[in-house]
Protein backbone atom coordinates (compact mmCIF):
# COMPACT_ATOMS: atom_id res chain seq x y z
CA MET A 1 15.30 1.94 -11.10
CA THR A 2 16.36 0.63 -7.67
CA LEU A 3 13.90 0.68 -4.76
CA LEU A 4 15.89 3.37 -2.96
CA GLY A 5 15.99 5.48 -6.09
CA PHE A 6 12.25 5.04 -6.55
CA LEU A 7 11.59 6.07 -2.95
CA HIS A 8 13.87 9.10 -3.17
CA ARG A 9 12.38 10.34 -6.43
CA ASN A 10 8.76 9.85 -5.41
CA ALA A 11 8.85 10.31 -1.63
CA PRO A 12 6.29 13.18 -1.36
CA TRP A 13 3.61 11.40 -3.37
CA LEU A 14 4.16 8.03 -1.70
CA ALA A 15 4.08 9.71 1.72
CA ALA A 16 0.81 11.44 0.82
CA GLY A 17 -0.72 8.08 -0.04
CA GLY A 18 0.59 6.56 3.18
CA LEU A 19 -0.79 9.46 5.22
CA LEU A 20 -4.26 9.05 3.72
CA THR A 21 -4.35 5.28 4.26
CA PHE A 22 -3.17 5.75 7.86
CA LEU A 23 -5.80 8.39 8.64
CA SER A 24 -8.49 6.19 7.11
CA SER A 25 -8.04 4.09 10.29
CA PHE A 26 -10.43 6.35 12.20
CA GLY A 27 -13.26 5.14 9.97
CA GLN A 28 -12.23 1.47 9.89
CA THR A 29 -13.95 -1.32 11.81
CA PHE A 30 -10.83 -2.20 13.79
CA PHE A 31 -10.78 1.31 15.32
CA ILE A 32 -14.49 1.95 15.81
CA SER A 33 -14.95 -1.48 17.43
CA ILE A 34 -12.57 -0.42 20.24
CA PHE A 35 -15.40 1.73 21.58
CA ALA A 36 -18.22 -0.78 20.95
CA GLY A 37 -18.67 -1.61 24.65
CA GLU A 38 -18.76 2.04 25.70
CA ILE A 39 -21.17 2.98 22.91
CA ARG A 40 -23.54 0.12 23.72
CA SER A 41 -23.43 0.99 27.42
CA GLU A 42 -23.93 4.71 26.81
CA PHE A 43 -27.03 4.23 24.67
CA GLY A 44 -28.36 0.96 26.12
CA LEU A 45 -27.86 -1.03 22.91
CA SER A 46 -27.81 -4.78 22.54
CA HIS A 47 -25.24 -6.47 20.31
CA GLY A 48 -27.92 -6.82 17.64
CA HIS A 49 -28.97 -3.17 17.80
CA TRP A 50 -25.37 -1.95 17.61
CA GLY A 51 -24.63 -4.30 14.72
CA GLY A 52 -27.74 -3.10 12.89
CA ILE A 53 -26.81 0.57 13.33
CA TYR A 54 -23.29 -0.14 12.12
CA SER A 55 -24.48 -2.06 9.08
CA LEU A 56 -27.03 0.63 8.19
CA GLY A 57 -24.53 3.49 8.33
CA THR A 58 -21.94 1.49 6.39
CA ALA A 59 -24.41 0.40 3.70
CA ILE A 60 -25.57 3.96 3.07
CA SER A 61 -21.96 5.12 2.84
CA ALA A 62 -21.42 2.48 0.14
CA VAL A 63 -24.24 3.97 -1.92
CA VAL A 64 -22.86 7.51 -1.58
CA MET A 65 -19.37 6.29 -2.54
CA VAL A 66 -20.64 5.57 -6.07
CA TRP A 67 -21.01 9.33 -6.57
CA ALA A 68 -18.36 10.69 -4.20
CA GLY A 69 -15.61 8.39 -5.50
CA GLY A 70 -16.02 9.75 -9.03
CA LEU A 71 -14.92 13.18 -7.82
CA THR A 72 -11.33 11.91 -7.96
CA ASP A 73 -11.57 12.10 -11.75
CA VAL A 74 -12.47 15.79 -11.54
CA PHE A 75 -10.53 17.26 -8.60
CA ARG A 76 -6.93 16.94 -7.56
CA VAL A 77 -5.97 15.06 -4.43
CA ARG A 78 -4.61 18.22 -2.83
CA VAL A 79 -8.11 19.76 -3.19
CA LEU A 80 -10.20 16.74 -2.21
CA GLY A 81 -7.83 15.41 0.45
CA PRO A 82 -8.16 18.29 2.95
CA LEU A 83 -11.94 18.34 2.51
CA VAL A 84 -12.13 14.61 3.23
CA LEU A 85 -9.90 14.94 6.31
CA PHE A 86 -11.97 17.83 7.65
CA GLY A 87 -15.08 15.71 7.09
CA LEU A 88 -13.49 12.81 8.99
CA ALA A 89 -12.47 15.15 11.82
CA ALA A 90 -16.05 16.45 12.02
CA ALA A 91 -17.37 12.87 12.21
CA CYS A 92 -14.93 12.02 15.04
CA SER A 93 -15.99 15.19 16.89
CA ALA A 94 -19.64 14.27 16.42
CA MET A 95 -19.02 10.86 18.01
CA ALA A 96 -17.37 12.61 20.96
CA LEU A 97 -20.27 15.02 21.45
CA ASN A 98 -23.23 12.80 20.58
CA GLN A 99 -25.82 12.13 23.28
CA THR A 100 -28.73 10.80 21.21
CA VAL A 101 -29.02 7.28 19.82
CA TRP A 102 -30.78 8.32 16.61
CA LEU A 103 -27.69 10.24 15.48
CA LEU A 104 -25.49 7.15 15.69
CA PRO A 105 -26.32 5.87 12.16
CA VAL A 106 -25.47 9.34 10.76
CA ILE A 107 -22.16 9.41 12.61
CA ILE A 108 -21.25 5.87 11.56
CA PHE A 109 -22.16 6.79 7.98
CA SER A 110 -19.83 9.81 8.13
CA LEU A 111 -16.95 7.89 9.70
CA ARG A 112 -17.24 5.13 7.12
CA LEU A 113 -17.66 7.48 4.14
CA PHE A 114 -14.80 9.86 4.93
CA GLY A 115 -12.53 7.28 6.59
CA GLN A 116 -12.84 3.79 5.15
CA GLY A 117 -14.36 5.12 1.93
CA MET A 118 -12.83 8.35 0.65
CA CYS A 119 -9.45 8.39 2.44
CA SER A 120 -8.67 4.91 1.16
CA HIS A 121 -10.13 5.63 -2.27
CA LEU A 122 -8.13 8.83 -2.74
CA ALA A 123 -4.88 7.08 -1.87
CA VAL A 124 -5.23 4.02 -4.09
CA VAL A 125 -6.66 5.93 -7.06
CA ALA A 126 -3.79 8.41 -6.86
CA MET A 127 -1.19 5.62 -6.83
CA ALA A 128 -2.88 3.78 -9.70
CA ARG A 129 -3.05 6.96 -11.76
CA TRP A 130 0.29 8.54 -10.92
CA PHE A 131 2.40 5.42 -11.44
CA GLN A 132 2.43 2.99 -14.32
CA ALA A 133 5.64 0.94 -14.59
CA MET A 134 6.06 0.96 -10.78
CA ARG A 135 2.35 0.85 -9.90
CA GLY A 136 2.67 -2.26 -7.75
CA ARG A 137 5.47 -0.88 -5.62
CA ALA A 138 3.71 2.47 -5.25
CA LEU A 139 0.52 0.79 -4.05
CA SER A 140 2.32 -1.52 -1.64
CA ILE A 141 4.28 1.37 -0.10
CA ALA A 142 1.35 3.79 0.14
CA THR A 143 -0.98 1.19 1.63
CA LEU A 144 1.48 0.50 4.45
CA GLY A 145 -0.52 3.20 6.23
CA PHE A 146 -3.31 0.66 6.71
CA ALA A 147 -0.96 -1.74 8.47
CA VAL A 148 0.63 0.96 10.63
CA GLY A 149 -2.78 2.16 11.76
CA GLU A 150 -4.05 -1.36 12.43
CA ALA A 151 -0.95 -2.30 14.40
CA SER A 152 -0.61 0.86 16.50
CA LEU A 153 -3.90 2.69 17.02
CA PRO A 154 -5.91 -0.04 18.82
CA ILE A 155 -3.10 -0.64 21.31
CA ILE A 156 -2.56 3.08 21.93
CA PHE A 157 -6.22 4.01 22.28
CA VAL A 158 -7.12 1.00 24.42
CA ALA A 159 -4.26 1.94 26.76
CA LEU A 160 -5.40 5.58 26.87
CA MET A 161 -8.97 4.48 27.58
CA GLY A 162 -7.78 3.28 30.97
CA PHE A 163 -7.42 6.84 32.25
CA ILE A 164 -9.01 9.12 29.60
CA ASN A 165 -12.75 9.29 28.95
CA TRP A 166 -13.61 7.64 25.64
CA HIS A 167 -15.41 10.78 24.41
CA LEU A 168 -12.17 12.75 24.71
CA LEU A 169 -10.32 10.11 22.72
CA TRP A 170 -12.57 10.80 19.75
CA PHE A 171 -11.49 14.46 20.01
CA VAL A 172 -7.90 13.22 19.90
CA ALA A 173 -8.72 11.33 16.70
CA ALA A 174 -10.32 14.48 15.25
CA GLY A 175 -7.22 16.50 16.12
CA ILE A 176 -4.93 14.01 14.38
CA CYS A 177 -7.06 14.29 11.22
CA VAL A 178 -6.88 18.09 11.30
CA LEU A 179 -3.11 18.00 11.80
CA GLY A 180 -2.89 15.78 8.73
CA VAL A 181 -4.28 18.54 6.49
CA PRO A 182 -1.23 20.88 6.39
CA VAL A 183 1.05 17.85 6.08
CA LEU A 184 -0.89 16.60 3.06
CA ILE A 185 -0.88 20.05 1.44
CA ALA A 186 2.88 20.35 1.96
CA LEU A 187 3.51 16.93 0.43
CA LEU A 188 1.42 17.76 -2.63
CA ARG A 189 2.74 21.23 -3.41
CA GLN A 190 3.76 19.79 -6.77
CA GLU A 191 1.09 17.20 -7.23
CA ARG A 192 1.19 14.59 -9.93
CA THR A 193 -2.23 15.03 -11.50
CA PRO A 194 -3.95 13.77 -14.63
CA GLN A 195 -4.26 17.40 -15.74
CA SER A 196 -0.61 18.39 -15.31
CA MET A 197 1.15 15.15 -16.25
CA ALA A 198 -1.35 13.32 -18.39
CA GLN A 199 1.04 12.35 -21.15
CA GLU A 200 3.55 10.76 -18.80
CA PHE A 201 1.23 9.02 -16.39
CA SER A 202 -1.91 8.03 -18.29
CA GLY A 203 -2.42 4.43 -19.27
CA THR A 204 -4.92 2.58 -21.41
CA GLY A 205 -6.65 -0.70 -20.69
CA MET A 206 -8.20 -3.42 -22.83
CA GLN A 207 -8.31 -2.77 -26.57
CA GLY A 208 -5.86 0.10 -26.07
CA ARG A 209 -8.48 2.53 -24.75
CA ASN A 210 -9.68 4.16 -21.57
CA TRP A 211 -13.03 2.77 -20.44
CA THR A 212 -15.73 4.91 -18.85
CA ARG A 213 -17.62 3.62 -15.83
CA ARG A 214 -20.70 2.91 -17.94
CA GLN A 215 -18.63 0.91 -20.42
CA ALA A 216 -16.94 -1.02 -17.59
CA LEU A 217 -20.31 -1.88 -16.07
CA SER A 218 -21.46 -3.28 -19.39
CA HIS A 219 -18.38 -5.52 -19.65
CA PRO A 220 -18.70 -9.08 -18.25
CA LEU A 221 -15.30 -8.99 -16.55
CA PHE A 222 -16.49 -6.38 -14.06
CA TRP A 223 -19.36 -8.54 -12.84
CA MET A 224 -17.27 -11.69 -12.74
CA MET A 225 -14.89 -9.85 -10.39
CA VAL A 226 -17.61 -8.52 -8.06
CA PRO A 227 -17.71 -11.69 -5.85
CA ALA A 228 -13.94 -11.43 -5.37
CA MET A 229 -14.22 -7.77 -4.40
CA LEU A 230 -17.08 -8.46 -2.00
CA GLY A 231 -15.58 -11.49 -0.24
CA PRO A 232 -12.55 -10.18 1.70
CA ALA A 233 -14.40 -7.06 2.82
CA ALA A 234 -17.40 -9.07 4.01
CA PHE A 235 -15.72 -11.99 5.72
CA ASN A 236 -12.54 -10.34 7.05
CA THR A 237 -14.79 -7.80 8.75
CA ALA A 238 -17.11 -10.56 9.98
CA PHE A 239 -14.23 -12.54 11.45
CA PHE A 240 -12.88 -9.61 13.47
CA PHE A 241 -16.39 -8.39 14.33
CA HIS A 242 -17.14 -11.76 15.97
CA GLN A 243 -13.71 -12.29 17.50
CA VAL A 244 -15.03 -12.40 21.08
CA HIS A 245 -17.67 -15.00 20.17
CA PHE A 246 -15.06 -16.99 18.23
CA SER A 247 -12.81 -17.08 21.30
CA GLU A 248 -15.71 -18.24 23.46
CA ILE A 249 -16.72 -21.16 21.24
CA LYS A 250 -13.09 -22.28 21.03
CA GLY A 251 -12.69 -22.04 24.79
CA TRP A 252 -9.85 -19.54 24.51
CA GLU A 253 -9.24 -16.33 26.40
CA HIS A 254 -9.79 -13.32 24.16
CA VAL A 255 -6.28 -12.12 24.88
CA GLU A 256 -4.92 -15.41 23.45
CA LEU A 257 -6.56 -14.60 20.13
CA VAL A 258 -5.55 -10.93 20.15
CA ALA A 259 -1.95 -11.99 20.71
CA PHE A 260 -1.90 -13.20 17.09
CA PHE A 261 -2.87 -9.78 15.71
CA PRO A 262 0.69 -8.33 15.55
CA VAL A 263 1.83 -11.51 13.76
CA TYR A 264 -1.08 -11.17 11.36
CA THR A 265 -0.16 -7.53 10.70
CA MET A 266 3.52 -8.31 10.05
CA ILE A 267 2.72 -11.14 7.65
CA GLY A 268 0.22 -8.85 5.92
CA ILE A 269 2.93 -6.21 5.42
CA VAL A 270 5.29 -8.79 3.92
CA SER A 271 2.51 -9.99 1.61
CA MET A 272 1.65 -6.42 0.66
CA VAL A 273 5.21 -5.54 -0.31
CA GLY A 274 5.79 -8.90 -1.99
CA SER A 275 2.61 -8.66 -4.05
CA GLY A 276 3.59 -5.18 -5.19
CA TRP A 277 6.95 -6.48 -6.42
CA ALA A 278 5.28 -9.48 -8.09
CA LEU A 279 2.71 -7.20 -9.71
CA ASP A 280 5.38 -5.09 -11.41
CA ARG A 281 7.10 -8.25 -12.61
CA TRP A 282 4.17 -10.40 -13.81
CA GLY A 283 1.10 -8.12 -13.96
CA THR A 284 -2.34 -8.52 -12.43
CA ALA A 285 -3.65 -10.92 -15.11
CA ARG A 286 -1.43 -13.72 -13.79
CA LEU A 287 -1.80 -12.99 -10.07
CA VAL A 288 -5.36 -11.85 -9.38
CA PRO A 289 -7.12 -15.14 -10.29
CA PHE A 290 -5.34 -17.00 -7.48
CA TYR A 291 -4.61 -14.53 -4.67
CA GLN A 292 -7.75 -15.45 -2.70
CA LEU A 293 -6.91 -19.16 -2.45
CA PRO A 294 -5.15 -18.62 0.92
CA MET A 295 -8.54 -17.55 2.32
CA VAL A 296 -9.79 -21.09 1.66
CA VAL A 297 -7.03 -22.54 3.83
CA SER A 298 -7.50 -19.80 6.43
CA PHE A 299 -11.18 -20.36 7.14
CA ILE A 300 -10.81 -24.14 7.11
CA ALA A 301 -8.02 -23.74 9.69
CA PHE A 302 -10.16 -21.41 11.83
CA SER A 303 -13.04 -23.88 11.66
CA TYR A 304 -11.02 -26.85 12.90
CA ALA A 305 -8.47 -25.03 15.08
CA ALA A 306 -8.25 -26.52 18.56
CA GLY A 307 -5.26 -24.56 19.80
CA PRO A 308 -2.55 -22.00 18.99
CA VAL A 309 -1.13 -23.91 16.01
CA GLY A 310 -4.46 -23.97 14.18
CA ALA A 311 -5.05 -20.29 14.97
CA PHE A 312 -1.60 -19.38 13.67
CA VAL A 313 -2.23 -21.22 10.38
CA GLY A 314 -5.53 -19.37 10.03
CA PHE A 315 -3.96 -15.95 10.61
CA LEU A 316 -0.99 -16.78 8.36
CA PHE A 317 -3.11 -17.51 5.31
CA LEU A 318 -5.61 -14.77 6.11
CA ALA A 319 -2.75 -12.26 6.13
CA LEU A 320 -1.41 -13.48 2.78
CA THR A 321 -4.62 -12.53 1.01
CA THR A 322 -5.25 -9.42 3.10
CA GLY A 323 -1.83 -8.01 2.20
CA ALA A 324 -2.18 -8.81 -1.49
CA ASN A 325 -5.70 -7.37 -1.44
CA SER A 326 -4.21 -3.93 -0.75
CA THR A 327 -2.28 -3.90 -4.03
CA LEU A 328 -3.49 -6.36 -6.66
CA PRO A 329 -7.17 -5.35 -7.08
CA ASN A 330 -6.33 -1.63 -7.10
CA ALA A 331 -3.83 -2.12 -9.91
CA PHE A 332 -6.13 -4.56 -11.71
CA TRP A 333 -8.77 -1.96 -12.60
CA ALA A 334 -6.17 0.45 -13.99
CA GLU A 335 -4.50 -2.29 -16.05
CA PHE A 336 -7.72 -3.59 -17.60
CA TYR A 337 -9.80 -0.39 -17.88
CA GLY A 338 -7.22 2.40 -18.13
CA THR A 339 -6.62 5.36 -15.82
CA ALA A 340 -8.58 8.22 -17.40
CA HIS A 341 -11.78 7.27 -15.55
CA ILE A 342 -10.22 5.12 -12.84
CA GLY A 343 -11.77 7.22 -10.06
CA ALA A 344 -15.33 6.57 -11.20
CA ILE A 345 -14.68 2.87 -11.88
CA LYS A 346 -12.85 2.37 -8.60
CA ALA A 347 -15.69 4.17 -6.81
CA MET A 348 -18.03 1.38 -7.87
CA VAL A 349 -15.54 -1.19 -6.62
CA ALA A 350 -15.13 0.70 -3.34
CA ALA A 351 -18.90 0.78 -2.95
CA VAL A 352 -19.02 -3.01 -3.40
CA MET A 353 -16.30 -3.46 -0.78
CA VAL A 354 -17.90 -1.08 1.71
CA PHE A 355 -21.23 -2.83 1.14
CA GLY A 356 -19.47 -6.13 1.82
CA SER A 357 -18.14 -4.83 5.12
CA ALA A 358 -21.72 -3.85 5.99
CA ILE A 359 -23.39 -7.18 5.21
CA GLY A 360 -20.66 -9.55 6.41
CA PRO A 361 -21.23 -9.06 10.16
CA GLY A 362 -24.98 -8.92 9.62
CA ILE A 363 -25.23 -12.20 7.70
CA THR A 364 -22.95 -14.13 10.02
CA GLY A 365 -24.67 -12.70 13.09
CA PHE A 366 -28.09 -13.66 11.72
CA LEU A 367 -26.89 -17.20 11.04
CA ILE A 368 -25.47 -17.48 14.56
CA ASP A 369 -28.87 -16.49 15.99
CA ALA A 370 -30.49 -19.02 13.64
CA GLY A 371 -28.36 -21.80 15.08
CA VAL A 372 -25.68 -22.06 12.38
CA GLY A 373 -22.41 -22.11 14.31
CA LEU A 374 -19.48 -19.89 13.36
CA GLU A 375 -17.22 -22.90 12.74
CA GLN A 376 -19.76 -24.32 10.31
CA GLN A 377 -20.07 -20.94 8.61
CA PHE A 378 -16.30 -20.77 8.14
CA LEU A 379 -16.44 -23.92 5.99
CA GLY A 380 -19.10 -22.27 3.84
CA ILE A 381 -16.94 -19.15 3.56
CA ALA A 382 -14.01 -21.30 2.41
CA CYS A 383 -16.24 -22.67 -0.36
CA TYR A 384 -17.22 -19.11 -1.28
CA PHE A 385 -13.56 -18.23 -1.90
CA LEU A 386 -13.18 -21.27 -4.15
CA PHE A 387 -16.08 -19.81 -6.13
CA THR A 388 -14.49 -16.35 -6.35
CA THR A 389 -11.23 -17.91 -7.56
CA MET A 390 -13.03 -19.79 -10.32
CA MET A 391 -14.98 -16.69 -11.42
CA SER A 392 -11.86 -14.51 -11.46
CA TYR A 393 -9.90 -17.09 -13.43
CA LEU A 394 -12.59 -17.49 -16.09
CA GLY A 395 -13.21 -13.76 -16.44
CA ILE A 396 -9.56 -12.75 -16.66
CA ARG A 397 -8.60 -15.61 -18.99
CA ARG A 398 -11.09 -14.30 -21.51
CA ALA A 399 -10.39 -10.58 -21.02
CA ARG A 400 -6.58 -10.69 -21.05
CA ARG A 401 -6.63 -11.36 -24.80
CA ASP A 402 -7.79 -7.75 -25.24
CA LEU A 403 -4.85 -6.29 -23.35
CA VAL A 404 -2.45 -4.39 -25.57
CA PRO A 405 1.18 -5.51 -24.96
């Protein structure tokens, strides 16, 4: 099937995935961090206090995701999706109305759970379950919503903040989420679900069977992949969380660094689409062991960068892994463990990733306070990604023998 034919035949379901990934932006670090200065000023928070609140709310959302993510194996997307979007809208409204500091962890928890957690989880689980032969392309197209949100929303909301009170902008975000509900329902009037199309769209994993979450957790491959799932979430988030400090130690204006963000986003989109095509051609077993190697080059480049060329190299290789990370891991779990219980299994993976995004800024911030410079940390992070590559390679090399051709 040609790409145009695939898009035409599956447009409603792909658009639903794209809508969910786009709306997840309101619970992502890149969006919430826009308001960091206003939030700290409003409640008299230091950088450390704000970072602690953010990490606490995110970490708790990771724990809840273990249970909440499994609901995708029980309920259809057209049932869960509107509930998640209403929850995200309520969290945005709470941020707009909040006047007490002790509610901030609860609000951050809600934004992260419904936004980064469940919106993203619903989209990628649906693509992994609904599509089999074209799973890579479906994931790469649906996850374009992440890139669109990352490229457009910060610029738009920062511009609006110049003449609209930041509290009102959170109401705008809530309104966008609410408007997304009827659109999602319309797109999924004839939803592809495991109940209604199980024969056509179910797929088995290793040993020709569908693994439960308990069985997956008892399999060594799962645990050998955990460092690889943790790494990008932890250290991508940490890099962008500390972007102002990074600019300062390099002697750059912050705007000089931010100028690379659109380039980073565009390269990430190319990587996302390319990895989806490669996935359908060669499968995750050949690609996943090596897709984090660009992170090694990226953090070495950021460590030694003295000017625009070094920064560009860092963003180039960071984007290569970031784009592939939107497609390859999500397809990996379906290919190796089957799709019948993919929601519950992917919920554990999502919890690991959300937990990573909670601890990354905390660990790097603690080390900065302890006198370990960010440039020195980046070299350690590069070594970490060499470790994840080795663990993934060894785990998949052993497990791929159990895949049924």
